[in-house]
């Protein structure tokens, strides 16, 4: 028996894996917020990498664990009351602060009352993960 024939029965199990991404362009191609969804196996949870990029000064991110393929991530431009300009990303009851100045992604312990101006939603539409601008989502 050939070694490659041992792999063939496993291939259908890998068919449910997921890896895709989409971005919101803040002001230019080198200034964006990108979400990357990863699922190693069909039975495992999906992890989302949140990447904040303002090249060449900032390229960092954080990870959101245990989300579903149907989960939506709503992006807001935070109110001006914060010490630095930030964006907020909300999924379910979780809210994250995204800074392209200090180059950080941080989870709020408690969601703020005011999230700011809604910019749009990262979601799956027509089988593709994409950013849907406010008013089009």
Protein backbone atom coordinates (compact mmCIF):
# COMPACT_ATOMS: atom_id res chain seq x y z
CA UNK A 1 0.00 0.00 0.00
CA UNK A 2 1.31 3.44 -0.91
CA UNK A 3 1.81 6.00 1.89
CA UNK A 4 -0.32 8.64 0.14
CA UNK A 5 -3.32 6.29 0.29
CA UNK A 6 -3.30 6.61 4.09
CA UNK A 7 -3.99 10.35 3.77
CA UNK A 8 -7.01 10.01 1.45
CA UNK A 9 -9.53 8.99 4.20
CA UNK A 10 -8.59 12.09 6.23
CA UNK A 11 -9.15 14.62 3.43
CA UNK A 12 -12.95 14.94 3.89
CA UNK A 13 -12.38 15.89 7.54
CA UNK A 14 -10.27 18.88 6.47
CA UNK A 15 -12.97 20.22 4.16
CA UNK A 16 -14.57 22.30 6.90
CA UNK A 17 -11.45 24.31 7.72
CA UNK A 18 -11.66 28.07 7.41
CA UNK A 19 -9.17 30.83 6.71
CA UNK A 20 -10.25 34.15 5.29
CA UNK A 21 -9.87 37.86 5.91
CA UNK A 22 -11.31 41.25 5.13
CA UNK A 23 -10.29 44.84 5.85
CA UNK A 24 -11.64 48.28 6.54
CA UNK A 25 -9.46 50.94 4.93
CA UNK A 26 -9.18 53.83 7.37
CA UNK A 27 -7.62 56.39 5.06
CA UNK A 28 -5.29 54.60 2.67
CA UNK A 29 -4.12 51.12 1.75
CA UNK A 30 -1.42 51.28 4.43
CA UNK A 31 -3.88 52.37 7.15
CA UNK A 32 -6.43 49.63 7.83
CA UNK A 33 -8.16 47.33 10.30
CA UNK A 34 -8.13 43.70 9.19
CA UNK A 35 -9.92 40.68 10.61
CA UNK A 36 -8.53 37.21 9.83
CA UNK A 37 -10.69 34.19 10.67
CA UNK A 38 -8.97 30.83 11.28
CA UNK A 39 -10.39 27.40 12.00
CA UNK A 40 -7.92 24.52 11.99
CA UNK A 41 -10.43 21.66 12.03
CA UNK A 42 -14.19 21.47 11.32
CA UNK A 43 -14.88 20.59 14.96
CA UNK A 44 -12.78 23.39 16.44
CA UNK A 45 -13.78 26.94 17.33
CA UNK A 46 -12.93 29.86 15.09
CA UNK A 47 -10.31 32.37 16.22
CA UNK A 48 -10.23 35.89 14.83
CA UNK A 49 -7.02 37.90 14.58
CA UNK A 50 -7.64 41.65 14.71
CA UNK A 51 -4.82 43.55 13.02
CA UNK A 52 -4.45 47.32 13.30
CA UNK A 53 -2.09 48.74 10.68
CA UNK A 54 -0.81 52.26 10.09
CA UNK A 55 2.35 51.64 8.17
CA UNK A 56 5.23 52.07 9.02
CA UNK A 57 4.46 53.03 12.65
CA UNK A 58 1.91 50.40 13.65
CA UNK A 59 1.25 46.79 12.74
CA UNK A 60 -0.10 44.87 15.74
CA UNK A 61 -3.13 42.99 16.84
CA UNK A 62 -5.02 40.79 19.20
CA UNK A 63 -6.98 37.56 19.13
CA UNK A 64 -10.65 36.81 19.77
CA UNK A 65 -11.28 33.15 20.59
CA UNK A 66 -14.35 30.95 20.36
CA UNK A 67 -16.44 32.75 17.78
CA UNK A 68 -18.83 31.21 15.28
CA UNK A 69 -18.76 31.56 11.52
CA UNK A 70 -22.05 33.50 11.68
CA UNK A 71 -20.78 36.03 14.24
CA UNK A 72 -20.69 39.66 13.17
CA UNK A 73 -18.15 42.27 14.25
CA UNK A 74 -19.39 45.86 14.24
CA UNK A 75 -16.80 48.64 13.90
CA UNK A 76 -17.26 52.10 15.43
CA UNK A 77 -15.26 55.31 15.44
CA UNK A 78 -15.13 56.05 19.17
CA UNK A 79 -16.32 59.37 20.61
CA UNK A 80 -13.67 62.09 20.97
CA UNK A 81 -13.66 61.82 24.79
CA UNK A 82 -10.94 59.14 24.74
CA UNK A 83 -7.32 60.27 25.29
CA UNK A 84 -6.32 59.05 21.85
CA UNK A 85 -8.36 58.38 18.72
CA UNK A 86 -9.58 54.79 18.80
CA UNK A 87 -11.97 52.47 17.07
CA UNK A 88 -14.26 50.03 18.86
CA UNK A 89 -15.06 46.54 17.69
CA UNK A 90 -18.16 44.83 19.11
CA UNK A 91 -19.10 41.18 18.79
CA UNK A 92 -21.89 39.82 20.94
CA UNK A 93 -21.34 41.37 24.39
CA UNK A 94 -17.59 41.79 23.91
CA UNK A 95 -16.14 45.20 23.00
CA UNK A 96 -12.53 45.86 22.04
CA UNK A 97 -10.61 49.13 21.77
CA UNK A 98 -8.42 49.33 18.66
CA UNK A 99 -5.71 51.99 18.61
CA UNK A 100 -3.59 52.83 15.60
CA UNK A 101 -1.68 55.38 17.72
CA UNK A 102 -0.47 53.15 20.58
CA UNK A 103 -0.82 50.12 18.31
CA UNK A 104 -2.93 47.97 20.66
CA UNK A 105 -6.07 45.86 20.77
CA UNK A 106 -7.63 45.67 24.23
CA UNK A 107 -10.83 44.13 25.55
CA UNK A 108 -13.08 46.32 27.70
CA UNK A 109 -13.99 44.72 31.04
CA UNK A 110 -17.38 46.42 30.71
CA UNK A 111 -18.76 47.70 27.43
CA UNK A 112 -18.95 51.51 27.27
CA UNK A 113 -22.42 53.06 27.05
CA UNK A 114 -21.54 55.03 23.92
CA UNK A 115 -19.60 53.26 21.16
CA UNK A 116 -19.56 56.17 18.72
CA UNK A 117 -20.27 56.39 15.01
CA UNK A 118 -21.01 53.06 13.35
CA UNK A 119 -18.67 52.55 10.39
CA UNK A 120 -19.87 49.12 9.32
CA UNK A 121 -19.82 45.40 10.01
CA UNK A 122 -17.40 42.57 9.31
CA UNK A 123 -19.68 39.66 8.41
CA UNK A 124 -20.23 36.78 6.04
CA UNK A 125 -22.49 37.70 3.14
CA UNK A 126 -23.18 35.52 0.10
CA UNK A 127 -20.64 33.00 1.43
CA UNK A 128 -17.81 35.54 1.65
CA UNK A 129 -16.36 37.29 4.73
CA UNK A 130 -16.38 41.02 4.01
CA UNK A 131 -16.63 44.52 5.45
CA UNK A 132 -20.06 46.02 4.87
CA UNK A 133 -20.10 49.81 5.24
CA UNK A 134 -22.79 51.31 7.51
CA UNK A 135 -26.03 51.66 5.60
CA UNK A 136 -25.10 48.72 3.35
CA UNK A 137 -25.01 46.05 6.06
